[in-house]
Amino acid sequence: MRNFAKTIYLALGRLFTILKIIDAHLHCSELPDDELINYAKFNGLEYTLEELLGMMRENNVERGLLLSPPLKGGMPVPNSRIVELCKRSNDTLFPVLTVEPDKKSVSHSIAEAREYRGYVKAFKIRLGYVPVYADDPVFDPLYDFAEEEGLPVMFHTGDTATTNGSLKHSHPLTIDPLANVRPELKIVICHFGNPWMPDVGEMIYKHPNVFADISGLVAGEGAKYAEKYLESLAEKLSDAMYFAGGADKVIFGTDYPVETYSAGLKLLKKLKIDQEDVEKISYRNAMKVYFSP
């Protein structure tokens, strides 16, 4: 047994290893016009910083990355608000700066990252929520800075939480041209490109600098086919990792409040991989990508 793991007996009547966890994809704003409030209500969550930090403690989550949720009207919560919430977390949460496809947002995000150098852990681009591709030249100064600083850039991919999202922009294969020309840029494909998971398996296999998180995949427990859907997700993710040769490029996240810890950890348990790969997903890979110099 590795020294960072312990075992407890669950009500399910079986032993389950509780791992050290980094949640690499979280949202919170405590603002009344936060678009994710409906997801929180559906999941029975208060959707507050206090609740989030308490749930992290309960689930052995040592640290997390906090990202801007969308506001009603489509704009993201200002990055300054995300930094403020992280400062209230006693070094449990670390900010990810959301970058919109315009020169002002790019330059301002770079300035904020410089101001909070070492504290900001990544940038985020909302493919599908904004009609732009990852290799749009507007982001070139951001990518140059990210490469210099070793900061990852996270990309929303796959399904969108709104009915007017652009799936042609959020398809994970649209990131391939960027990865081809920027091999030094650390790229994280969010939500494992769901529903295009085999394509993400190819991306993390092809590109040494491309990783993927498994956040927000179980967006509602208790639906009619929830259990079958969970089994299907576990099968698809496992197949993608078999294709990629293992779990070295896969990172745990919940997308709180879209996904609960019970749902996210249940999915992690159902993956058909060995314990070493589970530990890579839950902690080690995020340490390597976001927290190592």
Protein backbone atom coordinates (compact mmCIF):
# COMPACT_ATOMS: atom_id res chain seq x y z
CA MET A 1 0.00 0.00 0.00
CA ARG A 2 1.45 3.37 -0.98
CA ASN A 3 1.94 5.77 1.90
CA PHE A 4 -0.43 8.36 0.45
CA ALA A 5 -3.42 6.00 0.32
CA LYS A 6 -5.59 4.62 3.08
CA THR A 7 -8.55 2.25 3.11
CA ILE A 8 -11.96 2.63 4.64
CA TYR A 9 -14.95 0.37 4.65
CA LEU A 10 -17.86 1.77 2.65
CA ALA A 11 -21.56 1.12 3.18
CA LEU A 12 -21.42 -0.81 -0.09
CA GLY A 13 -19.82 -3.60 1.89
CA ARG A 14 -16.43 -3.52 0.18
CA LEU A 15 -13.02 -2.02 0.73
CA PHE A 16 -12.25 1.03 -1.38
CA THR A 17 -8.99 2.91 -1.55
CA ILE A 18 -9.39 6.61 -0.77
CA LEU A 19 -6.75 8.43 -2.77
CA LYS A 20 -5.19 11.81 -2.50
CA ILE A 21 -7.08 13.85 -5.05
CA ILE A 22 -6.61 17.04 -7.01
CA ASP A 23 -9.82 18.35 -8.57
CA ALA A 24 -8.57 20.10 -11.68
CA HIS A 25 -11.90 21.57 -12.79
CA LEU A 26 -14.19 23.45 -10.41
CA HIS A 27 -16.55 26.41 -10.65
CA CYS A 28 -17.87 28.89 -8.10
CA SER A 29 -18.80 32.56 -8.06
CA GLU A 30 -21.42 33.19 -5.33
CA LEU A 31 -23.06 35.60 -7.78
CA PRO A 32 -26.85 35.60 -8.33
CA ASP A 33 -26.61 35.58 -12.14
CA ASP A 34 -24.32 32.54 -12.31
CA GLU A 35 -25.63 30.28 -15.08
CA LEU A 36 -24.64 27.12 -13.17
CA ILE A 37 -27.05 27.74 -10.30
CA ASN A 38 -29.62 25.54 -12.03
CA TYR A 39 -27.12 22.65 -12.15
CA ALA A 40 -26.43 23.18 -8.45
CA LYS A 41 -30.14 23.06 -7.61
CA PHE A 42 -30.58 19.91 -9.68
CA ASN A 43 -27.75 18.26 -7.73
CA GLY A 44 -29.02 19.51 -4.36
CA LEU A 45 -26.01 21.75 -3.84
CA GLU A 46 -25.79 25.14 -2.15
CA TYR A 47 -23.04 26.14 -4.58
CA THR A 48 -21.00 28.24 -2.17
CA LEU A 49 -17.30 28.45 -1.44
CA GLU A 50 -17.88 27.12 2.07
CA GLU A 51 -19.77 24.09 0.74
CA LEU A 52 -17.13 23.41 -1.91
CA LEU A 53 -14.25 23.52 0.56
CA GLY A 54 -16.18 21.28 2.95
CA MET A 55 -16.87 18.73 0.22
CA MET A 56 -13.23 18.77 -0.76
CA ARG A 57 -12.20 17.98 2.82
CA GLU A 58 -14.79 15.19 3.07
CA ASN A 59 -13.52 13.58 -0.14
CA ASN A 60 -9.79 13.87 0.55
CA VAL A 61 -9.31 16.50 -2.17
CA GLU A 62 -6.12 18.33 -1.27
CA ARG A 63 -6.38 21.16 -3.78
CA GLY A 64 -8.33 22.27 -6.80
CA LEU A 65 -8.41 24.59 -9.78
CA LEU A 66 -11.17 27.21 -9.84
CA LEU A 67 -12.53 28.37 -13.20
CA SER A 68 -15.02 31.08 -14.17
CA PRO A 69 -18.58 29.83 -14.62
CA PRO A 70 -20.76 31.53 -17.25
CA LEU A 71 -23.10 34.33 -16.31
CA LYS A 72 -26.61 34.80 -17.66
CA GLY A 73 -26.05 36.47 -20.99
CA GLY A 74 -23.06 34.31 -21.84
CA MET A 75 -20.04 36.16 -20.46
CA PRO A 76 -17.74 34.43 -17.95
CA VAL A 77 -17.39 35.55 -14.35
CA PRO A 78 -14.52 38.08 -14.20
CA ASN A 79 -11.15 36.53 -13.41
CA SER A 80 -10.71 38.99 -10.53
CA ARG A 81 -13.64 37.30 -8.78
CA ILE A 82 -12.04 33.87 -9.21
CA VAL A 83 -8.76 35.13 -7.75
CA GLU A 84 -10.66 36.67 -4.81
CA LEU A 85 -12.43 33.37 -4.02
CA CYS A 86 -9.16 31.45 -4.24
CA LYS A 87 -7.54 33.82 -1.76
CA ARG A 88 -10.32 32.96 0.69
CA SER A 89 -9.61 29.24 0.38
CA ASN A 90 -6.39 29.07 2.45
CA ASP A 91 -4.29 27.72 -0.43
CA THR A 92 -6.80 25.02 -1.32
CA LEU A 93 -8.02 26.57 -4.59
CA PHE A 94 -5.89 28.08 -7.33
CA PRO A 95 -7.15 30.29 -10.15
CA VAL A 96 -7.48 29.49 -13.83
CA LEU A 97 -7.92 32.61 -15.96
CA THR A 98 -10.62 32.51 -18.63
CA VAL A 99 -9.59 34.18 -21.89
CA GLU A 100 -12.02 35.47 -24.51
CA PRO A 101 -11.09 35.78 -28.21
CA ASP A 102 -10.22 39.45 -28.30
CA LYS A 103 -6.96 41.37 -27.88
CA LYS A 104 -8.10 43.14 -24.72
CA SER A 105 -8.97 39.91 -22.92
CA VAL A 106 -5.72 38.28 -24.04
CA SER A 107 -3.53 41.17 -22.89
CA HIS A 108 -5.44 41.56 -19.62
CA SER A 109 -5.17 37.84 -18.85
CA ILE A 110 -1.43 37.89 -19.49
CA ALA A 111 -1.10 40.90 -17.16
CA GLU A 112 -3.10 39.11 -14.44
CA ALA A 113 -0.96 35.99 -14.80
CA ARG A 114 2.16 38.12 -14.41
CA GLU A 115 0.71 39.83 -11.33
CA TYR A 116 -0.12 36.46 -9.75
CA ARG A 117 2.83 34.52 -11.12
CA GLY A 118 3.05 31.14 -9.39
CA TYR A 119 -0.53 31.42 -8.12
CA VAL A 120 -2.37 31.28 -11.44
CA LYS A 121 -2.12 27.70 -12.67
CA ALA A 122 -3.59 27.81 -16.19
CA PHE A 123 -5.64 29.63 -18.80
CA LYS A 124 -9.03 28.51 -20.12
CA ILE A 125 -10.55 29.06 -23.59
CA ARG A 126 -14.26 28.37 -24.01
CA LEU A 127 -14.44 26.63 -27.37
CA GLY A 128 -18.06 26.19 -28.39
CA TYR A 129 -19.29 28.99 -26.16
CA VAL A 130 -17.45 31.44 -28.36
CA PRO A 131 -17.27 30.89 -32.16
CA VAL A 132 -13.51 30.51 -32.38
CA TYR A 133 -10.99 27.74 -33.00
CA ALA A 134 -8.01 27.02 -30.80
CA ASP A 135 -5.50 28.09 -33.47
CA ASP A 136 -7.05 31.54 -34.01
CA PRO A 137 -4.18 34.10 -34.24
CA VAL A 138 -5.83 36.27 -31.58
CA PHE A 139 -4.49 33.81 -28.99
CA ASP A 140 -0.88 33.79 -30.24
CA PRO A 141 0.43 36.22 -27.55
CA LEU A 142 -1.27 34.11 -24.88
CA TYR A 143 0.30 30.91 -26.18
CA ASP A 144 3.71 32.56 -26.37
CA PHE A 145 3.40 33.63 -22.74
CA ALA A 146 2.04 30.24 -21.64
CA GLU A 147 4.98 28.46 -23.27
CA GLU A 148 7.48 30.80 -21.61
CA GLU A 149 5.90 30.33 -18.18
CA GLY A 150 5.05 26.63 -18.53
CA LEU A 151 1.35 27.35 -17.97
CA PRO A 152 -1.20 24.93 -19.41
CA VAL A 153 -4.08 26.12 -21.57
CA MET A 154 -7.38 24.35 -20.96
CA PHE A 155 -10.00 24.12 -23.71
CA HIS A 156 -13.68 23.43 -23.31
CA THR A 157 -14.58 20.64 -25.72
CA GLY A 158 -17.60 18.50 -26.50
CA ASP A 159 -21.18 19.18 -25.50
CA THR A 160 -22.09 22.65 -24.28
CA ALA A 161 -24.31 23.54 -21.34
CA THR A 162 -26.33 25.89 -23.54
CA THR A 163 -28.50 25.06 -26.54
CA ASN A 164 -26.84 27.71 -28.70
CA GLY A 165 -23.28 26.42 -28.33
CA SER A 166 -21.26 25.72 -31.47
CA LEU A 167 -20.31 22.05 -31.67
CA LYS A 168 -18.18 22.54 -34.77
CA HIS A 169 -15.92 24.78 -32.66
CA SER A 170 -15.94 22.54 -29.58
CA HIS A 171 -14.98 19.29 -31.33
CA PRO A 172 -11.68 18.10 -29.79
CA LEU A 173 -10.06 17.42 -33.18
CA THR A 174 -10.11 21.16 -33.87
CA ILE A 175 -7.24 21.39 -31.36
CA ASP A 176 -5.02 19.16 -33.52
CA PRO A 177 -3.76 22.01 -35.78
CA LEU A 178 -2.67 23.99 -32.70
CA ALA A 179 -0.92 21.00 -31.14
CA ASN A 180 0.88 20.38 -34.44
CA VAL A 181 2.51 23.82 -34.49
CA ARG A 182 2.99 24.32 -30.73
CA PRO A 183 4.58 21.17 -29.33
CA GLU A 184 5.86 23.07 -26.26
CA LEU A 185 2.41 24.31 -25.23
CA LYS A 186 0.76 22.24 -22.49
CA ILE A 187 -2.79 21.62 -23.73
CA VAL A 188 -5.63 20.18 -21.65
CA ILE A 189 -8.80 18.97 -23.39
CA CYS A 190 -11.64 19.42 -20.91
CA HIS A 191 -14.51 16.95 -20.45
CA PHE A 192 -12.61 14.38 -22.52
CA GLY A 193 -14.36 15.82 -25.59
CA ASN A 194 -17.60 14.06 -24.62
CA PRO A 195 -19.20 12.56 -26.71
CA TRP A 196 -16.12 12.33 -28.99
CA MET A 197 -14.00 10.34 -26.56
CA PRO A 198 -12.20 8.10 -29.09
CA ASP A 199 -10.92 11.25 -30.81
CA VAL A 200 -9.47 12.46 -27.51
CA GLY A 201 -7.81 9.07 -27.10
CA GLU A 202 -6.09 9.74 -30.41
CA MET A 203 -5.11 13.29 -29.38
CA ILE A 204 -3.44 12.27 -26.13
CA TYR A 205 -1.74 9.38 -27.94
CA LYS A 206 -0.48 11.49 -30.85
CA HIS A 207 0.71 14.60 -29.01
CA PRO A 208 3.11 14.40 -26.04
CA ASN A 209 1.93 17.84 -24.87
CA VAL A 210 -1.82 17.09 -24.88
CA PHE A 211 -3.72 15.95 -21.79
CA ALA A 212 -7.43 15.53 -21.02
CA ASP A 213 -9.62 15.86 -17.95
CA ILE A 214 -12.70 13.77 -17.17
CA SER A 215 -14.72 16.55 -15.55
CA GLY A 216 -18.45 17.10 -15.89
CA LEU A 217 -19.26 13.80 -17.56
CA VAL A 218 -21.93 12.70 -15.08
CA ALA A 219 -24.18 15.75 -15.04
CA GLY A 220 -27.16 14.32 -13.23
CA GLU A 221 -27.63 11.28 -11.03
CA GLY A 222 -31.04 9.63 -10.87
CA ALA A 223 -32.05 10.00 -14.52
CA LYS A 224 -33.79 7.08 -16.21
CA TYR A 225 -30.65 5.54 -17.73
CA ALA A 226 -28.13 7.04 -15.31
CA GLU A 227 -26.50 3.74 -14.36
CA LYS A 228 -26.29 2.52 -17.95
CA TYR A 229 -24.85 5.87 -19.00
CA LEU A 230 -22.23 5.65 -16.25
CA GLU A 231 -21.23 2.18 -17.42
CA SER A 232 -21.04 3.47 -21.00
CA LEU A 233 -18.82 6.39 -19.97
CA ALA A 234 -16.48 4.09 -18.03
CA GLU A 235 -16.24 1.77 -21.03
CA LYS A 236 -15.48 4.59 -23.49
CA LEU A 237 -12.91 6.24 -21.22
CA SER A 238 -11.21 2.91 -20.55
CA ASP A 239 -11.07 2.12 -24.27
CA ALA A 240 -9.54 5.54 -24.98
CA MET A 241 -6.86 4.90 -22.37
CA TYR A 242 -6.15 1.44 -23.79
CA PHE A 243 -5.62 3.09 -27.17
CA ALA A 244 -3.37 5.75 -25.63
CA GLY A 245 -1.34 3.11 -23.80
CA GLY A 246 -2.35 4.05 -20.27
CA ALA A 247 -3.59 6.87 -18.06
CA ASP A 248 -0.51 9.10 -18.05
CA LYS A 249 -2.39 11.92 -19.81
CA VAL A 250 -5.74 11.80 -17.97
CA ILE A 251 -6.72 14.15 -15.12
CA PHE A 252 -9.54 14.03 -12.57
CA GLY A 253 -12.07 16.85 -12.24
CA THR A 254 -15.71 17.20 -11.28
CA ASP A 255 -16.84 20.45 -12.93
CA TYR A 256 -18.60 21.29 -9.62
CA PRO A 257 -21.51 22.07 -9.42
CA VAL A 258 -22.29 20.30 -12.71
CA GLU A 259 -21.05 17.00 -11.27
CA THR A 260 -21.02 15.90 -7.63
CA TYR A 261 -18.11 14.18 -5.92
CA SER A 262 -20.17 11.05 -5.44
CA ALA A 263 -20.78 10.85 -9.20
CA GLY A 264 -17.22 11.74 -10.22
CA LEU A 265 -15.61 9.26 -7.84
CA LYS A 266 -18.10 6.58 -8.80
CA LEU A 267 -17.02 7.00 -12.42
CA LEU A 268 -13.37 6.83 -11.40
CA LYS A 269 -14.04 3.55 -9.56
CA LYS A 270 -15.73 2.03 -12.60
CA LEU A 271 -12.82 2.61 -14.97
CA LYS A 272 -11.34 -0.71 -16.04
CA ILE A 273 -7.75 0.17 -15.22
CA ASP A 274 -5.29 -0.81 -12.51
CA GLN A 275 -4.74 0.96 -9.20
CA GLU A 276 -1.57 2.69 -10.39
CA ASP A 277 -3.46 4.35 -13.24
CA VAL A 278 -6.28 5.36 -10.89
CA GLU A 279 -3.70 7.13 -8.73
CA LYS A 280 -2.24 8.87 -11.77
CA ILE A 281 -5.68 10.20 -12.73
CA SER A 282 -6.68 11.24 -9.23
CA TYR A 283 -3.48 13.08 -8.27
CA ARG A 284 -0.17 12.53 -9.97
CA ASN A 285 -1.00 13.75 -13.46
CA ALA A 286 -2.50 17.00 -12.17
CA MET A 287 0.58 17.54 -10.03
CA LYS A 288 2.76 17.09 -13.10
CA VAL A 289 0.72 19.34 -15.38
CA TYR A 290 -0.36 22.15 -13.02
CA PHE A 291 1.79 22.16 -9.91
CA SER A 292 5.29 21.12 -10.98
CA PRO A 293 7.79 23.83 -11.96
